[in-house]
Amino acid sequence: MTLMEHLIELRNRLIRASLALLIATAISFIFADRLVDILTIPVGGREALEAIDVTENIGVFMRVSLISGLVLAMPVIVYQLISFIVPGLTREERRSLWIIVPSASLLFLIGVAFAYFVLLRAAVPFLISFLDIPTRPRPQSYFGFVARLTFWIGVSFETPLILAFLARLGVITPQSLRQNRKYAVVGIALISAAITPTVDPVNMLLVMLPLMLLYELGVFLSRLTYRPR
């Protein structure tokens, strides 16, 4: 294919992905209200929030619908991306891709579930009750906080897959991962401190321990996938 044909193909894939996102977002309007109830459980329900802007509530509703639509449309978006890049891959690379994509999606969802069911339920009560000062979060700030936290925790849960992929390419070795474990602990501590919404060591450990386990899982997987360059 010529460069122009590649660009046309990319445009068509992006249009299909955008249409899938638009349709999924429209469908999300049906259950967005229920999703708001679920997301506000850690803070004590939607009654614990207080809006101060006229358009804040509808803005939150649209944001929740868009995020939900993105999750629903993700299989279609990933399919369009894979369909665009697969013709340029070797047979072995194609086989690896069909393993990597589902694994990445599963790890991300596990990370999001961990953030919601463990981290948020431990951190939010601590934050809103600190110093015994009555706190009524704004919907906009609360849902932004939840979205950022769950996203970055989900991304951090991709660590084993990233390490295994880099070992497959020969960029890193299992030996180097084991030898640099102490530096990895320091790095994980810094990442945990940046991700954790509170400064207390308990919530920081709630993030550090899973990341350490994921690092060790990445070391194990790198031994299975490593190939010298």
Protein backbone atom coordinates (compact mmCIF):
# COMPACT_ATOMS: atom_id res chain seq x y z
CA MET A 1 0.00 0.00 0.00
CA THR A 2 1.07 3.56 -0.66
CA LEU A 3 1.38 6.15 2.08
CA MET A 4 -1.93 7.72 1.06
CA GLU A 5 -3.66 4.33 1.17
CA HIS A 6 -2.29 3.77 4.69
CA LEU A 7 -3.60 7.17 5.78
CA ILE A 8 -7.04 6.44 4.30
CA GLU A 9 -7.10 3.08 6.08
CA LEU A 10 -6.13 4.79 9.35
CA ARG A 11 -8.86 7.40 8.87
CA ASN A 12 -11.49 4.70 8.31
CA ARG A 13 -10.38 2.81 11.42
CA LEU A 14 -10.51 5.98 13.52
CA ILE A 15 -13.99 6.82 12.21
CA ARG A 16 -15.27 3.35 13.15
CA ALA A 17 -13.69 3.58 16.59
CA SER A 18 -15.22 7.04 17.12
CA LEU A 19 -18.66 5.80 16.07
CA ALA A 20 -18.36 2.89 18.50
CA LEU A 21 -17.46 5.34 21.30
CA LEU A 22 -20.38 7.61 20.39
CA ILE A 23 -22.90 4.75 20.39
CA ALA A 24 -21.51 3.25 23.62
CA THR A 25 -21.67 6.65 25.33
CA ALA A 26 -25.28 7.10 24.23
CA ILE A 27 -26.12 3.66 25.65
CA SER A 28 -24.33 4.58 28.89
CA PHE A 29 -26.87 7.35 29.47
CA ILE A 30 -29.33 4.61 30.43
CA PHE A 31 -27.37 3.35 33.47
CA ALA A 32 -25.10 6.34 34.24
CA ASP A 33 -27.32 7.34 37.16
CA ARG A 34 -26.90 3.88 38.71
CA LEU A 35 -23.15 4.06 38.07
CA VAL A 36 -22.99 7.33 39.98
CA ASP A 37 -24.53 5.54 42.98
CA ILE A 38 -21.91 2.79 42.77
CA LEU A 39 -18.96 5.17 42.47
CA THR A 40 -20.11 7.27 45.42
CA ILE A 41 -20.34 4.32 47.85
CA PRO A 42 -16.81 4.97 49.29
CA VAL A 43 -17.75 8.55 50.17
CA GLY A 44 -21.12 7.62 51.68
CA GLY A 45 -23.45 7.97 48.70
CA ARG A 46 -24.33 10.87 46.44
CA GLU A 47 -25.95 12.63 49.42
CA ALA A 48 -22.43 13.21 50.81
CA LEU A 49 -21.53 15.36 47.77
CA GLU A 50 -22.42 19.01 47.32
CA ALA A 51 -22.42 20.88 44.02
CA ILE A 52 -21.77 24.62 43.93
CA ASP A 53 -22.10 25.27 40.19
CA VAL A 54 -25.31 25.19 38.19
CA THR A 55 -23.89 22.90 35.47
CA GLU A 56 -21.73 20.74 37.74
CA ASN A 57 -24.19 17.85 38.13
CA ILE A 58 -24.86 17.48 34.42
CA GLY A 59 -21.12 17.75 33.76
CA VAL A 60 -20.49 14.85 36.13
CA PHE A 61 -23.27 12.85 34.48
CA MET A 62 -21.68 13.39 31.05
CA ARG A 63 -18.21 12.49 32.35
CA VAL A 64 -19.44 9.25 33.91
CA SER A 65 -21.31 8.39 30.71
CA LEU A 66 -18.23 9.08 28.59
CA ILE A 67 -15.95 6.96 30.79
CA SER A 68 -18.51 4.15 30.79
CA GLY A 69 -18.86 4.44 27.02
CA LEU A 70 -15.10 4.25 26.62
CA VAL A 71 -15.00 1.02 28.64
CA LEU A 72 -17.86 -0.48 26.60
CA ALA A 73 -16.33 0.56 23.28
CA MET A 74 -12.80 -0.54 24.19
CA PRO A 75 -13.07 -3.99 22.50
CA VAL A 76 -14.08 -2.31 19.23
CA ILE A 77 -11.36 0.33 19.55
CA VAL A 78 -8.70 -2.32 20.26
CA TYR A 79 -9.98 -4.43 17.35
CA GLN A 80 -9.69 -1.47 14.96
CA LEU A 81 -6.15 -0.78 16.17
CA ILE A 82 -5.11 -4.42 15.81
CA SER A 83 -6.70 -4.66 12.37
CA PHE A 84 -4.61 -1.68 11.24
CA ILE A 85 -1.22 -2.92 12.49
CA VAL A 86 -1.57 -6.71 12.03
CA PRO A 87 -0.84 -6.75 8.24
CA GLY A 88 2.60 -5.31 8.96
CA LEU A 89 3.58 -7.90 11.55
CA THR A 90 5.29 -11.26 11.22
CA ARG A 91 3.43 -14.45 12.09
CA GLU A 92 5.21 -14.75 15.45
CA GLU A 93 4.46 -11.12 16.30
CA ARG A 94 0.79 -11.69 15.51
CA ARG A 95 0.64 -14.62 17.91
CA SER A 96 2.26 -12.53 20.63
CA LEU A 97 -0.19 -9.69 20.00
CA TRP A 98 -3.25 -11.89 20.56
CA ILE A 99 -1.80 -12.86 23.95
CA ILE A 100 -0.66 -9.40 24.98
CA VAL A 101 -3.89 -7.52 24.27
CA PRO A 102 -6.28 -9.71 26.36
CA SER A 103 -3.69 -9.96 29.15
CA ALA A 104 -3.23 -6.18 29.24
CA SER A 105 -7.00 -5.65 29.38
CA LEU A 106 -7.39 -8.19 32.19
CA LEU A 107 -4.57 -6.70 34.27
CA PHE A 108 -5.97 -3.20 33.81
CA LEU A 109 -9.42 -4.30 34.99
CA ILE A 110 -7.90 -6.06 38.01
CA GLY A 111 -6.06 -2.85 38.87
CA VAL A 112 -9.25 -0.78 38.56
CA ALA A 113 -11.12 -3.27 40.77
CA PHE A 114 -8.33 -3.12 43.37
CA ALA A 115 -8.44 0.68 43.37
CA TYR A 116 -12.21 0.74 43.87
CA PHE A 117 -12.79 -2.13 46.30
CA VAL A 118 -9.63 -1.75 48.42
CA LEU A 119 -7.84 1.58 48.04
CA LEU A 120 -10.79 3.96 47.68
CA ARG A 121 -12.73 2.38 50.53
CA ALA A 122 -9.72 2.79 52.80
CA ALA A 123 -8.53 6.22 51.65
CA VAL A 124 -11.76 8.21 51.20
CA PRO A 125 -13.11 7.80 54.78
CA PHE A 126 -9.66 8.75 56.11
CA LEU A 127 -9.49 11.86 53.94
CA ILE A 128 -12.94 13.24 54.65
CA SER A 129 -12.69 12.63 58.42
CA PHE A 130 -9.16 13.98 58.88
CA LEU A 131 -8.93 16.54 61.73
CA ASP A 132 -12.64 15.93 62.37
CA ILE A 133 -13.50 18.79 60.00
CA PRO A 134 -16.87 18.24 58.21
CA THR A 135 -16.19 17.66 54.53
CA ARG A 136 -18.66 17.60 51.65
CA PRO A 137 -16.71 17.01 48.42
CA ARG A 138 -17.81 18.58 45.16
CA PRO A 139 -19.03 16.03 42.58
CA GLN A 140 -16.61 17.37 39.98
CA SER A 141 -13.54 17.03 42.19
CA TYR A 142 -14.63 13.68 43.65
CA PHE A 143 -15.25 11.96 40.32
CA GLY A 144 -12.06 13.46 38.89
CA PHE A 145 -10.18 12.06 41.88
CA VAL A 146 -11.76 8.61 41.43
CA ALA A 147 -11.04 8.58 37.68
CA ARG A 148 -7.36 9.54 38.11
CA LEU A 149 -6.74 7.07 40.92
CA THR A 150 -8.38 4.08 39.24
CA PHE A 151 -6.69 4.86 35.91
CA TRP A 152 -3.15 5.05 37.28
CA ILE A 153 -3.60 2.01 39.49
CA GLY A 154 -4.89 0.13 36.43
CA VAL A 155 -1.85 1.25 34.43
CA SER A 156 0.56 0.23 37.21
CA PHE A 157 -0.91 -3.28 37.14
CA GLU A 158 0.49 -3.64 33.61
CA THR A 159 4.01 -3.98 35.09
CA PRO A 160 4.39 -7.79 34.65
CA LEU A 161 3.32 -7.61 31.01
CA ILE A 162 5.70 -4.71 30.27
CA LEU A 163 8.63 -6.53 31.86
CA ALA A 164 7.83 -9.77 30.00
CA PHE A 165 7.53 -7.88 26.70
CA LEU A 166 10.85 -6.07 27.19
CA ALA A 167 12.50 -9.39 28.06
CA ARG A 168 11.03 -10.88 24.89
CA LEU A 169 12.71 -8.12 22.91
CA GLY A 170 15.98 -8.69 24.76
CA VAL A 171 16.03 -5.16 26.18
CA ILE A 172 16.19 -6.43 29.76
CA THR A 173 17.23 -9.77 31.27
CA PRO A 174 15.86 -11.74 34.23
CA GLN A 175 19.28 -11.45 35.86
CA SER A 176 19.25 -7.65 35.68
CA LEU A 177 15.75 -7.54 37.18
CA ARG A 178 16.86 -9.67 40.13
CA GLN A 179 20.09 -7.73 40.65
CA ASN A 180 18.29 -4.37 40.56
CA ARG A 181 15.47 -5.45 42.88
CA LYS A 182 16.52 -2.95 45.57
CA TYR A 183 16.25 -0.09 43.06
CA ALA A 184 12.87 -1.42 42.00
CA VAL A 185 11.69 -1.27 45.62
CA VAL A 186 12.72 2.39 45.82
CA GLY A 187 11.01 3.15 42.52
CA ILE A 188 7.83 1.36 43.59
CA ALA A 189 7.86 3.32 46.86
CA LEU A 190 8.09 6.61 44.94
CA ILE A 191 5.33 5.58 42.53
CA SER A 192 3.13 4.46 45.43
CA ALA A 193 3.68 7.79 47.18
CA ALA A 194 2.67 9.63 43.99
CA ILE A 195 -0.42 7.49 43.37
CA THR A 196 -1.62 7.19 46.98
CA PRO A 197 -4.12 9.97 47.74
CA THR A 198 -3.11 10.08 51.43
CA VAL A 199 0.21 10.49 53.21
CA ASP A 200 -0.30 7.79 55.83
CA PRO A 201 1.88 4.64 55.56
CA VAL A 202 -1.08 2.24 55.72
CA ASN A 203 -2.61 3.37 52.42
CA MET A 204 0.85 3.61 50.86
CA LEU A 205 1.52 -0.02 51.82
CA LEU A 206 -1.83 -0.99 50.27
CA VAL A 207 -0.38 0.19 46.95
CA MET A 208 3.21 -0.95 47.46
CA LEU A 209 2.51 -4.59 48.32
CA PRO A 210 0.54 -5.41 45.12
CA LEU A 211 3.13 -3.56 43.02
CA MET A 212 5.93 -5.57 44.61
CA LEU A 213 4.06 -8.81 43.90
CA LEU A 214 3.49 -7.66 40.32
CA TYR A 215 7.20 -6.91 39.96
CA GLU A 216 8.08 -10.40 41.15
CA LEU A 217 5.52 -11.81 38.72
CA GLY A 218 7.21 -9.78 35.98
CA VAL A 219 10.60 -11.28 36.94
CA PHE A 220 9.11 -14.77 36.71
CA LEU A 221 7.48 -14.09 33.34
CA SER A 222 10.68 -12.54 31.99
CA ARG A 223 12.45 -15.87 32.55
CA LEU A 224 9.82 -17.54 30.37
CA THR A 225 9.88 -14.97 27.58
CA TYR A 226 13.52 -13.80 27.51
CA ARG A 227 15.40 -14.04 24.26
CA PRO A 228 18.92 -12.62 23.75
CA ARG A 229 19.11 -9.77 21.26
